[in-house]
């Protein structure tokens, strides 16, 4: 029955795409490796959480333990982008993590652990065009734990919004555009001409005559 069940601590087909080492030599190095590549992490998982989980497979009493953790970072923003490297002191500890930790949940995500050839400076950065991991470059699903939509989908959406804004700006400035409100309308306001008719010499004469009539009437009253 031993040949029926796949051993949980068996190395997977994971391979560093930039490694130039032959497969046979790579397998020999992996058989002694103390480094794990951890994938499918949430962007919000912290180094402290990773340390707490992976120390469960450490053996400090045998001279082991976690040597260091290298968080994977976005090349442009220097923020976590969903992977890391965990270095143990012994190969047995790395195998134990593959057996007991790989496939379990961390921050509600099923994480993957694979033996790695060993961390080298520069491998902590994502290799995607946008700075993150390649897997997030063309992803079409919405994954809130990994930045929402894939990087390519976000670029297309940003370009679409920019085109809409440019068309809107052209419509505001081109012929037949609707004038905006506010501004300096008070400065261009024209005075509405008065409807009151101006005085004329005839009006003065009428007033004088009316004044004479009133004076005679007053005099008649006094006589009475």
N, C-alpha and C. Protein backbone atom coordinates (compact mmCIF):
# COMPACT_ATOMS: atom_id res chain seq x y z
N UNK A 1 0.82 -1.21 0.00
CA UNK A 1 0.00 0.00 0.00
C UNK A 1 0.85 1.26 0.00
N UNK A 2 2.13 1.15 0.34
CA UNK A 2 2.97 2.33 0.46
C UNK A 2 3.10 3.08 -0.85
N UNK A 3 3.06 2.34 -1.99
CA UNK A 3 3.23 2.99 -3.28
C UNK A 3 1.96 3.64 -3.79
N UNK A 4 0.82 3.41 -3.11
CA UNK A 4 -0.47 3.95 -3.56
C UNK A 4 -0.64 5.39 -3.10
N UNK A 5 -0.23 5.69 -1.89
CA UNK A 5 -0.42 7.02 -1.31
C UNK A 5 0.81 7.88 -1.60
N UNK A 6 0.57 9.06 -2.16
CA UNK A 6 1.66 9.99 -2.45
C UNK A 6 2.18 10.60 -1.16
N UNK A 7 3.46 10.50 -0.88
CA UNK A 7 4.01 11.08 0.35
C UNK A 7 3.78 12.59 0.38
N UNK A 8 3.36 13.12 1.54
CA UNK A 8 3.06 14.55 1.65
C UNK A 8 4.32 15.41 1.65
N UNK A 9 5.46 14.80 1.99
CA UNK A 9 6.69 15.58 2.02
C UNK A 9 7.51 15.44 0.74
N UNK A 10 6.87 14.94 -0.32
CA UNK A 10 7.56 14.79 -1.60
C UNK A 10 7.63 16.14 -2.31
N UNK A 11 8.80 16.55 -2.81
CA UNK A 11 8.91 17.82 -3.52
C UNK A 11 7.96 17.89 -4.71
N UNK A 12 7.40 19.06 -4.97
CA UNK A 12 6.47 19.24 -6.08
C UNK A 12 7.22 19.57 -7.35
N UNK A 13 6.48 19.90 -8.40
CA UNK A 13 7.08 20.28 -9.68
C UNK A 13 7.46 21.75 -9.72
N UNK A 14 7.35 22.44 -8.60
CA UNK A 14 7.72 23.86 -8.56
C UNK A 14 9.18 24.03 -8.94
N UNK A 15 9.44 25.05 -9.75
CA UNK A 15 10.82 25.32 -10.17
C UNK A 15 10.96 26.82 -10.41
N UNK A 16 12.06 27.36 -9.95
CA UNK A 16 12.34 28.77 -10.21
C UNK A 16 12.54 28.95 -11.71
N UNK A 17 11.69 29.79 -12.32
CA UNK A 17 11.73 29.96 -13.78
C UNK A 17 13.03 30.57 -14.27
N UNK A 18 13.76 31.24 -13.40
CA UNK A 18 15.01 31.88 -13.81
C UNK A 18 16.24 31.06 -13.43
N UNK A 19 16.02 29.89 -12.87
CA UNK A 19 17.14 29.04 -12.52
C UNK A 19 17.69 28.35 -13.77
N UNK A 20 19.00 28.31 -13.89
CA UNK A 20 19.65 27.67 -15.04
C UNK A 20 20.27 26.32 -14.67
N UNK A 21 19.87 25.80 -13.53
CA UNK A 21 20.42 24.53 -13.06
C UNK A 21 19.65 23.37 -13.69
N UNK A 22 20.35 22.34 -14.11
CA UNK A 22 19.71 21.18 -14.71
C UNK A 22 18.80 20.50 -13.70
N UNK A 23 17.79 19.83 -14.22
CA UNK A 23 16.78 19.22 -13.36
C UNK A 23 17.38 18.20 -12.39
N UNK A 24 18.30 17.39 -12.86
CA UNK A 24 18.91 16.37 -12.00
C UNK A 24 19.67 17.02 -10.86
N UNK A 25 20.44 18.06 -11.18
CA UNK A 25 21.20 18.77 -10.16
C UNK A 25 20.25 19.48 -9.20
N UNK A 26 19.16 20.00 -9.75
CA UNK A 26 18.18 20.70 -8.92
C UNK A 26 17.55 19.73 -7.91
N UNK A 27 17.21 18.54 -8.35
CA UNK A 27 16.62 17.56 -7.44
C UNK A 27 17.58 17.19 -6.32
N UNK A 28 18.86 17.13 -6.64
CA UNK A 28 19.86 16.82 -5.63
C UNK A 28 19.94 17.93 -4.58
N UNK A 29 19.89 19.18 -5.03
CA UNK A 29 19.92 20.31 -4.11
C UNK A 29 18.66 20.39 -3.26
N UNK A 30 17.53 20.07 -3.87
CA UNK A 30 16.27 20.10 -3.12
C UNK A 30 16.23 19.03 -2.04
N UNK A 31 16.92 17.94 -2.26
CA UNK A 31 16.93 16.86 -1.26
C UNK A 31 17.67 17.26 0.01
N UNK A 32 18.39 18.39 -0.06
CA UNK A 32 19.12 18.89 1.11
C UNK A 32 18.67 20.28 1.53
N UNK A 33 17.71 20.82 0.81
CA UNK A 33 17.31 22.22 1.02
C UNK A 33 16.67 22.45 2.39
N UNK A 34 16.94 23.60 2.95
CA UNK A 34 16.31 24.00 4.21
C UNK A 34 15.38 25.20 4.00
N UNK A 35 15.16 25.55 2.74
CA UNK A 35 14.36 26.73 2.41
C UNK A 35 13.04 26.32 1.77
N UNK A 36 11.97 27.00 2.17
CA UNK A 36 10.65 26.79 1.59
C UNK A 36 10.18 28.04 0.86
N UNK A 37 9.52 27.81 -0.27
CA UNK A 37 8.81 28.89 -0.95
C UNK A 37 7.35 28.76 -0.56
N UNK A 38 6.76 29.84 -0.05
CA UNK A 38 5.36 29.83 0.40
C UNK A 38 4.55 30.69 -0.56
N UNK A 39 3.54 30.09 -1.20
CA UNK A 39 2.74 30.81 -2.18
C UNK A 39 1.27 30.92 -1.79
N UNK A 40 0.55 31.74 -2.54
CA UNK A 40 -0.89 32.01 -2.37
C UNK A 40 -1.20 32.69 -1.04
N UNK A 41 -0.29 33.52 -0.57
CA UNK A 41 -0.54 34.28 0.65
C UNK A 41 -1.43 35.48 0.37
N UNK A 42 -2.13 35.92 1.37
CA UNK A 42 -2.86 37.18 1.29
C UNK A 42 -1.86 38.33 1.35
N UNK A 43 -2.17 39.42 0.67
CA UNK A 43 -1.31 40.60 0.74
C UNK A 43 -1.26 41.17 2.15
N UNK A 44 -2.23 40.78 2.98
CA UNK A 44 -2.34 41.35 4.33
C UNK A 44 -1.75 40.44 5.41
N UNK A 45 -1.27 39.28 5.03
CA UNK A 45 -0.64 38.38 5.99
C UNK A 45 0.71 38.95 6.42
N UNK A 46 0.96 38.97 7.71
CA UNK A 46 2.17 39.60 8.24
C UNK A 46 3.27 38.55 8.47
N UNK A 47 4.47 39.05 8.64
CA UNK A 47 5.61 38.18 8.94
C UNK A 47 5.41 37.49 10.28
N UNK A 48 4.78 38.18 11.22
CA UNK A 48 4.54 37.58 12.54
C UNK A 48 3.61 36.38 12.43
N UNK A 49 2.58 36.47 11.58
CA UNK A 49 1.66 35.35 11.39
C UNK A 49 2.39 34.15 10.78
N UNK A 50 3.23 34.41 9.82
CA UNK A 50 3.98 33.34 9.16
C UNK A 50 4.92 32.66 10.16
N UNK A 51 5.58 33.47 10.96
CA UNK A 51 6.51 32.92 11.97
C UNK A 51 5.75 32.03 12.96
N UNK A 52 4.60 32.51 13.40
CA UNK A 52 3.82 31.74 14.38
C UNK A 52 3.39 30.39 13.82
N UNK A 53 2.99 30.38 12.53
CA UNK A 53 2.53 29.13 11.92
C UNK A 53 3.69 28.16 11.68
N UNK A 54 4.78 28.65 11.12
CA UNK A 54 5.85 27.75 10.71
C UNK A 54 6.76 27.32 11.85
N UNK A 55 6.69 27.98 12.99
CA UNK A 55 7.46 27.49 14.15
C UNK A 55 6.86 26.21 14.72
N UNK A 56 5.64 25.89 14.32
CA UNK A 56 5.01 24.66 14.80
C UNK A 56 5.76 23.43 14.29
N UNK A 57 6.50 23.60 13.20
CA UNK A 57 7.27 22.48 12.66
C UNK A 57 8.76 22.62 12.95
N UNK A 58 9.12 23.59 13.75
CA UNK A 58 10.52 23.79 14.08
C UNK A 58 10.93 22.86 15.23
N UNK A 59 12.22 22.57 15.30
CA UNK A 59 12.75 21.69 16.35
C UNK A 59 13.94 22.36 17.04
N UNK A 60 13.68 23.39 17.82
CA UNK A 60 14.79 24.10 18.48
C UNK A 60 15.57 23.22 19.43
N UNK A 61 14.91 22.21 20.00
CA UNK A 61 15.61 21.31 20.93
C UNK A 61 16.68 20.48 20.22
N UNK A 62 16.54 20.34 18.89
CA UNK A 62 17.52 19.60 18.10
C UNK A 62 18.45 20.53 17.33
N UNK A 63 18.48 21.78 17.78
CA UNK A 63 19.36 22.73 17.12
C UNK A 63 18.75 23.38 15.89
N UNK A 64 17.45 23.21 15.74
CA UNK A 64 16.77 23.77 14.58
C UNK A 64 16.05 25.07 14.89
N UNK A 65 15.02 25.34 14.12
CA UNK A 65 14.25 26.57 14.27
C UNK A 65 14.24 27.36 12.97
N UNK A 66 13.52 28.46 12.97
CA UNK A 66 13.46 29.32 11.79
C UNK A 66 14.66 30.25 11.78
N UNK A 67 15.41 30.21 10.71
CA UNK A 67 16.58 31.07 10.56
C UNK A 67 16.18 32.47 10.16
N UNK A 68 15.31 32.60 9.16
CA UNK A 68 14.80 33.90 8.74
C UNK A 68 13.60 33.73 7.81
N UNK A 69 12.84 34.79 7.69
CA UNK A 69 11.70 34.85 6.79
C UNK A 69 11.90 36.04 5.85
N UNK A 70 11.76 35.81 4.55
CA UNK A 70 11.91 36.89 3.57
C UNK A 70 10.55 37.11 2.90
N UNK A 71 9.95 38.25 3.15
CA UNK A 71 8.65 38.54 2.57
C UNK A 71 8.79 38.95 1.11
N UNK A 72 7.91 38.41 0.27
CA UNK A 72 7.89 38.81 -1.13
C UNK A 72 7.27 40.20 -1.26
N UNK A 73 7.89 41.06 -2.05
CA UNK A 73 7.47 42.46 -2.16
C UNK A 73 7.19 42.86 -3.60
N UNK A 74 6.24 43.77 -3.75
CA UNK A 74 6.01 44.39 -5.04
C UNK A 74 7.24 45.21 -5.41
N UNK A 75 7.72 45.03 -6.62
CA UNK A 75 8.96 45.69 -7.04
C UNK A 75 8.86 47.21 -7.03
N UNK A 76 7.66 47.75 -7.24
CA UNK A 76 7.49 49.19 -7.33
C UNK A 76 7.07 49.82 -6.01
N UNK A 77 6.14 49.20 -5.31
CA UNK A 77 5.59 49.80 -4.09
C UNK A 77 6.26 49.31 -2.82
N UNK A 78 7.04 48.21 -2.93
CA UNK A 78 7.71 47.61 -1.75
C UNK A 78 6.69 47.19 -0.68
N UNK A 79 5.53 46.71 -1.11
CA UNK A 79 4.51 46.18 -0.22
C UNK A 79 4.36 44.68 -0.48
N UNK A 80 3.89 43.89 0.51
CA UNK A 80 3.74 42.45 0.32
C UNK A 80 2.89 42.11 -0.89
N UNK A 81 3.30 41.09 -1.64
CA UNK A 81 2.55 40.74 -2.86
C UNK A 81 2.23 39.25 -2.95
N UNK A 82 2.14 38.57 -1.79
CA UNK A 82 1.54 37.24 -1.80
C UNK A 82 2.45 36.04 -1.77
N UNK A 83 3.73 36.19 -1.41
CA UNK A 83 4.60 35.03 -1.26
C UNK A 83 5.71 35.36 -0.27
N UNK A 84 6.45 34.34 0.12
CA UNK A 84 7.59 34.57 1.02
C UNK A 84 8.51 33.35 0.99
N UNK A 85 9.66 33.49 1.60
CA UNK A 85 10.60 32.38 1.78
C UNK A 85 10.78 32.17 3.28
N UNK A 86 10.77 30.91 3.68
CA UNK A 86 11.02 30.55 5.08
C UNK A 86 12.26 29.66 5.11
N UNK A 87 13.27 30.10 5.83
CA UNK A 87 14.51 29.33 5.94
C UNK A 87 14.59 28.69 7.33
N UNK A 88 14.75 27.36 7.34
CA UNK A 88 14.98 26.62 8.58
C UNK A 88 16.48 26.33 8.71
N UNK A 89 16.82 25.77 9.86
CA UNK A 89 18.21 25.34 10.06
C UNK A 89 18.44 23.91 9.58
N UNK A 90 17.38 23.12 9.47
CA UNK A 90 17.56 21.73 9.05
C UNK A 90 16.60 21.37 7.92
N UNK A 91 16.99 20.41 7.15
CA UNK A 91 16.16 19.91 6.05
C UNK A 91 14.91 19.21 6.57
N UNK A 92 15.05 18.52 7.71
CA UNK A 92 13.92 17.79 8.29
C UNK A 92 12.78 18.74 8.64
N UNK A 93 13.13 19.91 9.12
CA UNK A 93 12.09 20.89 9.47
C UNK A 93 11.35 21.38 8.22
N UNK A 94 12.09 21.60 7.15
CA UNK A 94 11.46 22.02 5.90
C UNK A 94 10.51 20.95 5.39
N UNK A 95 10.93 19.69 5.46
CA UNK A 95 10.06 18.58 5.04
C UNK A 95 8.82 18.49 5.92
N UNK A 96 8.99 18.71 7.21
CA UNK A 96 7.85 18.65 8.12
C UNK A 96 6.82 19.73 7.79
N UNK A 97 7.29 20.92 7.42
CA UNK A 97 6.37 22.00 7.03
C UNK A 97 5.61 21.64 5.76
N UNK A 98 6.31 21.02 4.80
CA UNK A 98 5.62 20.58 3.59
C UNK A 98 4.53 19.56 3.92
N UNK A 99 4.80 18.73 4.90
CA UNK A 99 3.87 17.66 5.24
C UNK A 99 2.67 18.15 6.04
N UNK A 100 2.90 19.09 6.96
CA UNK A 100 1.84 19.47 7.89
C UNK A 100 1.24 20.87 7.66
N UNK A 101 1.99 21.75 7.01
CA UNK A 101 1.50 23.12 6.83
C UNK A 101 0.97 23.37 5.43
N UNK A 102 1.65 22.83 4.42
CA UNK A 102 1.18 23.04 3.04
C UNK A 102 -0.24 22.51 2.87
N UNK A 103 -1.09 23.31 2.27
CA UNK A 103 -2.48 22.92 2.08
C UNK A 103 -3.41 23.35 3.20
N UNK A 104 -2.85 23.97 4.24
CA UNK A 104 -3.69 24.48 5.33
C UNK A 104 -4.05 25.95 5.06
N UNK A 105 -4.91 26.50 5.89
CA UNK A 105 -5.38 27.86 5.68
C UNK A 105 -4.64 28.86 6.57
N UNK A 106 -4.32 29.99 5.96
CA UNK A 106 -3.74 31.12 6.69
C UNK A 106 -4.43 32.37 6.15
N UNK A 107 -5.09 33.11 7.03
CA UNK A 107 -5.91 34.26 6.61
C UNK A 107 -6.95 33.84 5.57
N UNK A 108 -7.58 32.69 5.83
CA UNK A 108 -8.65 32.16 4.97
C UNK A 108 -8.19 31.82 3.56
N UNK A 109 -6.88 31.57 3.40
CA UNK A 109 -6.36 31.17 2.09
C UNK A 109 -5.59 29.87 2.24
N UNK A 110 -5.75 28.97 1.27
CA UNK A 110 -4.99 27.72 1.29
C UNK A 110 -3.61 28.00 0.74
N UNK A 111 -2.62 27.89 1.60
CA UNK A 111 -1.25 28.23 1.19
C UNK A 111 -0.53 27.01 0.65
N UNK A 112 0.51 27.26 -0.14
CA UNK A 112 1.29 26.20 -0.76
C UNK A 112 2.73 26.31 -0.31
N UNK A 113 3.34 25.18 0.06
CA UNK A 113 4.74 25.16 0.48
C UNK A 113 5.54 24.23 -0.44
N UNK A 114 6.65 24.73 -0.93
CA UNK A 114 7.52 23.92 -1.79
C UNK A 114 8.97 24.12 -1.38
N UNK A 115 9.74 23.04 -1.48
CA UNK A 115 11.17 23.18 -1.25
C UNK A 115 11.77 24.09 -2.32
N UNK A 116 12.70 24.91 -1.89
CA UNK A 116 13.31 25.89 -2.78
C UNK A 116 14.82 25.69 -2.82
N UNK A 117 15.43 26.09 -3.94
CA UNK A 117 16.87 25.93 -4.09
C UNK A 117 17.67 26.81 -3.13
N UNK A 118 17.01 27.84 -2.61
CA UNK A 118 17.69 28.75 -1.69
C UNK A 118 17.49 30.19 -2.12
N UNK A 119 17.28 31.03 -1.14
CA UNK A 119 17.03 32.44 -1.43
C UNK A 119 18.30 33.16 -1.88
N UNK A 120 18.16 34.00 -2.89
CA UNK A 120 19.23 34.88 -3.35
C UNK A 120 18.69 36.29 -3.44
N UNK A 121 19.53 37.26 -3.17
CA UNK A 121 19.13 38.66 -3.19
C UNK A 121 18.48 39.01 -4.54
N UNK A 122 17.33 39.65 -4.46
CA UNK A 122 16.59 40.02 -5.65
C UNK A 122 15.36 39.17 -5.87
N UNK A 123 15.35 37.97 -5.30
CA UNK A 123 14.20 37.08 -5.48
C UNK A 123 13.01 37.49 -4.61
N UNK A 124 13.20 38.46 -3.74
CA UNK A 124 12.08 38.90 -2.90
C UNK A 124 11.10 39.79 -3.67
N UNK A 125 11.48 40.20 -4.89
CA UNK A 125 10.62 41.11 -5.65
C UNK A 125 9.80 40.35 -6.70
N UNK A 126 8.55 40.82 -6.90
CA UNK A 126 7.69 40.24 -7.91
C UNK A 126 8.27 40.43 -9.30
N UNK A 127 7.93 39.53 -10.22
CA UNK A 127 8.48 39.57 -11.58
C UNK A 127 7.45 39.97 -12.63
N UNK A 128 6.26 40.35 -12.18
CA UNK A 128 5.24 40.80 -13.13
C UNK A 128 5.55 42.19 -13.67
N UNK A 129 4.93 42.54 -14.79
CA UNK A 129 5.17 43.85 -15.41
C UNK A 129 4.76 44.99 -14.49
N UNK A 130 3.77 44.74 -13.63
CA UNK A 130 3.29 45.79 -12.73
C UNK A 130 4.02 45.81 -11.40
N UNK A 131 4.98 44.91 -11.23
CA UNK A 131 5.76 44.89 -9.99
C UNK A 131 5.41 43.76 -9.06
N UNK A 132 4.21 43.18 -9.22
CA UNK A 132 3.81 42.07 -8.36
C UNK A 132 4.14 40.73 -8.99
N UNK A 133 3.42 39.70 -8.58
CA UNK A 133 3.67 38.37 -9.13
C UNK A 133 3.06 38.23 -10.52
N UNK A 134 3.65 37.36 -11.31
CA UNK A 134 3.17 37.12 -12.67
C UNK A 134 1.74 36.58 -12.64
N UNK A 135 1.42 35.75 -11.67
CA UNK A 135 0.08 35.15 -11.59
C UNK A 135 -1.01 36.20 -11.39
N UNK A 136 -0.65 37.35 -10.80
CA UNK A 136 -1.63 38.42 -10.59
C UNK A 136 -1.66 39.41 -11.76
N UNK A 137 -0.80 39.21 -12.73
CA UNK A 137 -0.74 40.12 -13.87
C UNK A 137 -1.96 39.93 -14.79
N UNK A 138 -2.31 38.67 -15.08
CA UNK A 138 -3.38 38.37 -16.03
C UNK A 138 -4.61 37.78 -15.35
N UNK A 139 -4.67 37.81 -14.04
CA UNK A 139 -5.81 37.23 -13.33
C UNK A 139 -7.10 37.97 -13.66
N UNK A 140 -8.16 37.22 -13.99
CA UNK A 140 -9.44 37.82 -14.40
C UNK A 140 -10.48 37.82 -13.28
N UNK A 141 -10.20 37.11 -12.19
CA UNK A 141 -11.17 37.07 -11.10
C UNK A 141 -10.87 38.19 -10.10
N UNK A 142 -11.87 38.48 -9.26
CA UNK A 142 -11.70 39.49 -8.21
C UNK A 142 -11.30 38.79 -6.92
N UNK A 143 -10.11 39.10 -6.43
CA UNK A 143 -9.57 38.46 -5.23
C UNK A 143 -9.20 39.56 -4.23
N UNK A 144 -10.07 39.82 -3.24
CA UNK A 144 -9.80 40.91 -2.29
C UNK A 144 -8.53 40.71 -1.48
N UNK A 145 -8.10 39.46 -1.31
CA UNK A 145 -6.89 39.19 -0.55
C UNK A 145 -5.61 39.44 -1.34
N UNK A 146 -5.77 39.65 -2.67
CA UNK A 146 -4.60 39.88 -3.52
C UNK A 146 -4.78 41.12 -4.39
N UNK A 147 -5.33 42.17 -3.80
CA UNK A 147 -5.39 43.45 -4.49
C UNK A 147 -6.59 43.65 -5.39
N UNK A 148 -7.61 42.79 -5.30
CA UNK A 148 -8.81 42.98 -6.13
C UNK A 148 -8.65 42.32 -7.49
N UNK A 149 -8.89 43.08 -8.56
CA UNK A 149 -8.75 42.55 -9.91
C UNK A 149 -7.28 42.40 -10.27
N UNK A 150 -7.00 41.64 -11.32
CA UNK A 150 -5.64 41.47 -11.79
C UNK A 150 -5.08 42.79 -12.30
N UNK A 151 -3.76 42.88 -12.36
CA UNK A 151 -3.10 44.13 -12.74
C UNK A 151 -3.48 44.57 -14.14
N UNK A 152 -3.59 43.63 -15.08
CA UNK A 152 -3.95 43.99 -16.45
C UNK A 152 -5.37 44.53 -16.51
N UNK A 153 -6.28 43.91 -15.79
CA UNK A 153 -7.66 44.39 -15.76
C UNK A 153 -7.74 45.78 -15.14
N UNK A 154 -6.92 46.04 -14.12
CA UNK A 154 -6.91 47.36 -13.50
C UNK A 154 -6.37 48.41 -14.46
N UNK A 155 -5.37 48.06 -15.26
CA UNK A 155 -4.83 49.01 -16.24
C UNK A 155 -5.87 49.35 -17.31
N UNK A 156 -6.59 48.32 -17.79
CA UNK A 156 -7.62 48.55 -18.80
C UNK A 156 -8.73 49.44 -18.26
N UNK A 157 -9.11 49.22 -17.00
CA UNK A 157 -10.15 50.05 -16.39
C UNK A 157 -9.67 51.48 -16.23
N UNK A 158 -8.41 51.68 -15.84
CA UNK A 158 -7.86 53.03 -15.69
C UNK A 158 -7.82 53.75 -17.04
N UNK A 159 -7.46 53.02 -18.11
CA UNK A 159 -7.43 53.63 -19.44
C UNK A 159 -8.84 54.01 -19.90
N UNK A 160 -9.81 53.15 -19.61
CA UNK A 160 -11.19 53.44 -19.99
C UNK A 160 -11.70 54.70 -19.29
N UNK A 161 -11.40 54.81 -18.00
CA UNK A 161 -11.84 56.00 -17.26
C UNK A 161 -11.16 57.26 -17.78
N UNK A 162 -9.88 57.15 -18.14
CA UNK A 162 -9.16 58.30 -18.66
C UNK A 162 -9.75 58.76 -20.01
N UNK A 163 -10.12 57.81 -20.86
CA UNK A 163 -10.74 58.16 -22.13
C UNK A 163 -12.07 58.85 -21.93
N UNK A 164 -12.86 58.34 -20.97
CA UNK A 164 -14.16 58.97 -20.69
C UNK A 164 -13.97 60.40 -20.19
N UNK A 165 -12.99 60.61 -19.31
CA UNK A 165 -12.72 61.95 -18.78
C UNK A 165 -12.24 62.89 -19.89
N UNK A 166 -11.42 62.38 -20.81
CA UNK A 166 -10.94 63.21 -21.91
C UNK A 166 -12.08 63.61 -22.84
N UNK A 167 -12.97 62.65 -23.14
CA UNK A 167 -14.13 62.97 -23.99
C UNK A 167 -15.02 64.00 -23.32
N UNK A 168 -15.21 63.86 -22.04
CA UNK A 168 -16.04 64.81 -21.29
C UNK A 168 -15.42 66.20 -21.32
N UNK A 169 -14.08 66.26 -21.15
CA UNK A 169 -13.40 67.56 -21.18
C UNK A 169 -13.51 68.21 -22.55
N UNK A 170 -13.39 67.40 -23.63
CA UNK A 170 -13.53 67.94 -24.98
C UNK A 170 -14.93 68.46 -25.22
N UNK A 171 -15.93 67.76 -24.69
CA UNK A 171 -17.32 68.20 -24.87
C UNK A 171 -17.57 69.52 -24.17
N UNK A 172 -16.88 69.75 -23.06
CA UNK A 172 -17.06 70.99 -22.31
C UNK A 172 -16.40 72.17 -23.00
N UNK A 173 -15.33 71.91 -23.77
CA UNK A 173 -14.56 72.99 -24.36
C UNK A 173 -14.85 73.21 -25.84
N UNK A 174 -15.45 72.24 -26.52
CA UNK A 174 -15.66 72.33 -27.97
C UNK A 174 -16.85 73.19 -28.35
N UNK A 175 -17.12 73.34 -29.68
CA UNK A 175 -18.27 74.13 -30.17
C UNK A 175 -19.58 73.56 -29.64
N UNK A 176 -20.47 74.47 -29.28
CA UNK A 176 -21.77 74.05 -28.78
C UNK A 176 -21.75 73.55 -27.36
N UNK A 177 -20.64 73.81 -26.64
CA UNK A 177 -20.54 73.34 -25.26
C UNK A 177 -21.50 74.10 -24.38
N UNK A 178 -21.98 73.46 -23.36
CA UNK A 178 -22.88 74.10 -22.39
C UNK A 178 -22.05 74.90 -21.42
N UNK A 179 -22.38 76.18 -21.28
CA UNK A 179 -21.61 77.05 -20.40
C UNK A 179 -21.79 76.64 -18.96
N UNK A 180 -20.73 76.73 -18.21
CA UNK A 180 -20.80 76.39 -16.80
C UNK A 180 -21.43 77.51 -15.99
N UNK A 181 -21.95 77.19 -14.82
CA UNK A 181 -22.57 78.19 -13.97
C UNK A 181 -21.55 78.93 -13.13
N UNK A 182 -22.05 79.96 -12.39
CA UNK A 182 -21.17 80.70 -11.49
C UNK A 182 -20.23 81.58 -12.24
N UNK A 183 -19.07 81.83 -11.64
CA UNK A 183 -18.05 82.62 -12.31
C UNK A 183 -18.28 84.10 -12.14
N UNK A 184 -18.01 84.89 -13.20
CA UNK A 184 -18.05 86.34 -13.12
C UNK A 184 -19.32 86.91 -13.75
N UNK A 185 -20.48 86.29 -13.52
CA UNK A 185 -21.69 86.74 -14.18
C UNK A 185 -22.09 88.15 -13.75
N UNK A 186 -21.72 88.53 -12.51
CA UNK A 186 -22.09 89.86 -12.05
C UNK A 186 -21.35 90.94 -12.81
N UNK A 187 -20.12 90.60 -13.25
CA UNK A 187 -19.32 91.60 -13.95
C UNK A 187 -19.87 91.87 -15.34
N UNK A 188 -20.56 90.91 -15.95
CA UNK A 188 -21.08 91.09 -17.30
C UNK A 188 -22.55 91.45 -17.31
N UNK A 189 -23.15 91.63 -16.13
CA UNK A 189 -24.57 91.94 -16.05
C UNK A 189 -24.82 93.35 -16.61
N UNK A 190 -25.81 93.49 -17.49
CA UNK A 190 -26.17 94.79 -18.09
C UNK A 190 -27.32 95.40 -17.33
N UNK A 191 -27.34 96.72 -17.30
CA UNK A 191 -28.40 97.43 -16.58
C UNK A 191 -29.67 97.45 -17.40
N UNK A 192 -30.77 97.02 -16.80
CA UNK A 192 -32.06 97.01 -17.50
C UNK A 192 -32.60 98.44 -17.56
N UNK A 193 -32.93 98.95 -18.77
CA UNK A 193 -33.41 100.33 -18.88
C UNK A 193 -34.70 100.55 -18.11
N UNK A 194 -34.81 101.72 -17.51
CA UNK A 194 -36.00 102.04 -16.71
C UNK A 194 -37.21 102.26 -17.60
N UNK A 195 -38.38 101.83 -17.13
CA UNK A 195 -39.61 102.03 -17.86
C UNK A 195 -40.23 103.41 -17.61
N UNK A 196 -39.67 104.18 -16.69
CA UNK A 196 -40.21 105.50 -16.35
C UNK A 196 -39.88 106.50 -17.45
N UNK A 197 -40.93 107.25 -17.92
CA UNK A 197 -40.73 108.22 -19.00
C UNK A 197 -40.13 109.50 -18.45
N UNK A 198 -39.20 110.06 -19.19
CA UNK A 198 -38.57 111.29 -18.76
C UNK A 198 -39.53 112.48 -18.76
N UNK A 199 -39.18 113.48 -18.02
CA UNK A 199 -40.03 114.69 -17.94
C UNK A 199 -39.83 115.54 -19.18
N UNK A 200 -40.89 116.26 -19.58
CA UNK A 200 -40.84 117.13 -20.77
C UNK A 200 -41.32 118.52 -20.38
N UNK A 201 -41.04 119.53 -21.22
CA UNK A 201 -41.52 120.90 -20.93
C UNK A 201 -43.02 120.97 -20.79
N UNK A 202 -43.76 120.15 -21.57
CA UNK A 202 -45.23 120.17 -21.47
C UNK A 202 -45.68 119.76 -20.08
N UNK A 203 -44.94 118.79 -19.49
CA UNK A 203 -45.29 118.37 -18.13
C UNK A 203 -45.13 119.52 -17.16
N UNK A 204 -44.08 120.35 -17.35
CA UNK A 204 -43.86 121.48 -16.47
C UNK A 204 -45.00 122.47 -16.59
N UNK A 205 -45.46 122.69 -17.84
CA UNK A 205 -46.56 123.63 -18.03
C UNK A 205 -47.83 123.18 -17.38
N UNK A 206 -48.11 121.87 -17.49
CA UNK A 206 -49.31 121.35 -16.87
C UNK A 206 -49.29 121.52 -15.37
N UNK A 207 -48.10 121.28 -14.82
CA UNK A 207 -47.97 121.42 -13.37
C UNK A 207 -48.22 122.86 -12.95
N UNK A 208 -47.70 123.81 -13.75
CA UNK A 208 -47.88 125.22 -13.40
C UNK A 208 -49.35 125.59 -13.45
N UNK A 209 -50.06 125.17 -14.55
CA UNK A 209 -51.47 125.47 -14.69
C UNK A 209 -52.28 124.87 -13.56
N UNK A 210 -51.93 123.64 -13.20
CA UNK A 210 -52.64 123.00 -12.11
C UNK A 210 -52.42 123.74 -10.81
N UNK A 211 -51.18 124.24 -10.68
CA UNK A 211 -50.90 125.02 -9.48
C UNK A 211 -51.73 126.28 -9.43
N UNK A 212 -51.98 126.99 -10.58
CA UNK A 212 -52.81 128.21 -10.62
C UNK A 212 -54.24 127.89 -10.27
N UNK A 213 -54.76 126.78 -10.79
CA UNK A 213 -56.14 126.41 -10.47
C UNK A 213 -56.31 126.16 -8.99
N UNK A 214 -55.36 125.55 -8.40
CA UNK A 214 -55.48 125.26 -6.98
C UNK A 214 -55.45 126.56 -6.18
N UNK A 215 -54.65 127.49 -6.65
CA UNK A 215 -54.55 128.75 -5.92
C UNK A 215 -55.88 129.49 -5.95
N UNK A 216 -56.62 129.54 -7.10
CA UNK A 216 -57.91 130.20 -7.19
C UNK A 216 -58.94 129.55 -6.31
N UNK A 217 -58.90 128.22 -6.31
CA UNK A 217 -59.85 127.50 -5.46
C UNK A 217 -59.63 127.85 -4.00
N UNK A 218 -58.38 127.93 -3.63
CA UNK A 218 -58.09 128.29 -2.25
C UNK A 218 -58.60 129.68 -1.92
N UNK A 219 -58.42 130.57 -2.89
CA UNK A 219 -58.89 131.96 -2.65
C UNK A 219 -60.39 132.00 -2.50
N UNK A 220 -61.14 131.20 -3.32
CA UNK A 220 -62.59 131.18 -3.20
C UNK A 220 -63.01 130.69 -1.83
N UNK A 221 -62.32 129.75 -1.31
CA UNK A 221 -62.64 129.23 0.02
C UNK A 221 -62.47 130.30 1.07
N UNK A 222 -61.41 131.12 0.93
CA UNK A 222 -61.15 132.13 1.91
C UNK A 222 -62.25 133.21 1.91
N UNK A 223 -62.77 133.53 0.69
CA UNK A 223 -63.82 134.52 0.63
C UNK A 223 -65.07 134.03 1.33
N UNK A 224 -65.31 132.73 1.17
CA UNK A 224 -66.50 132.20 1.81
C UNK A 224 -66.33 132.20 3.33
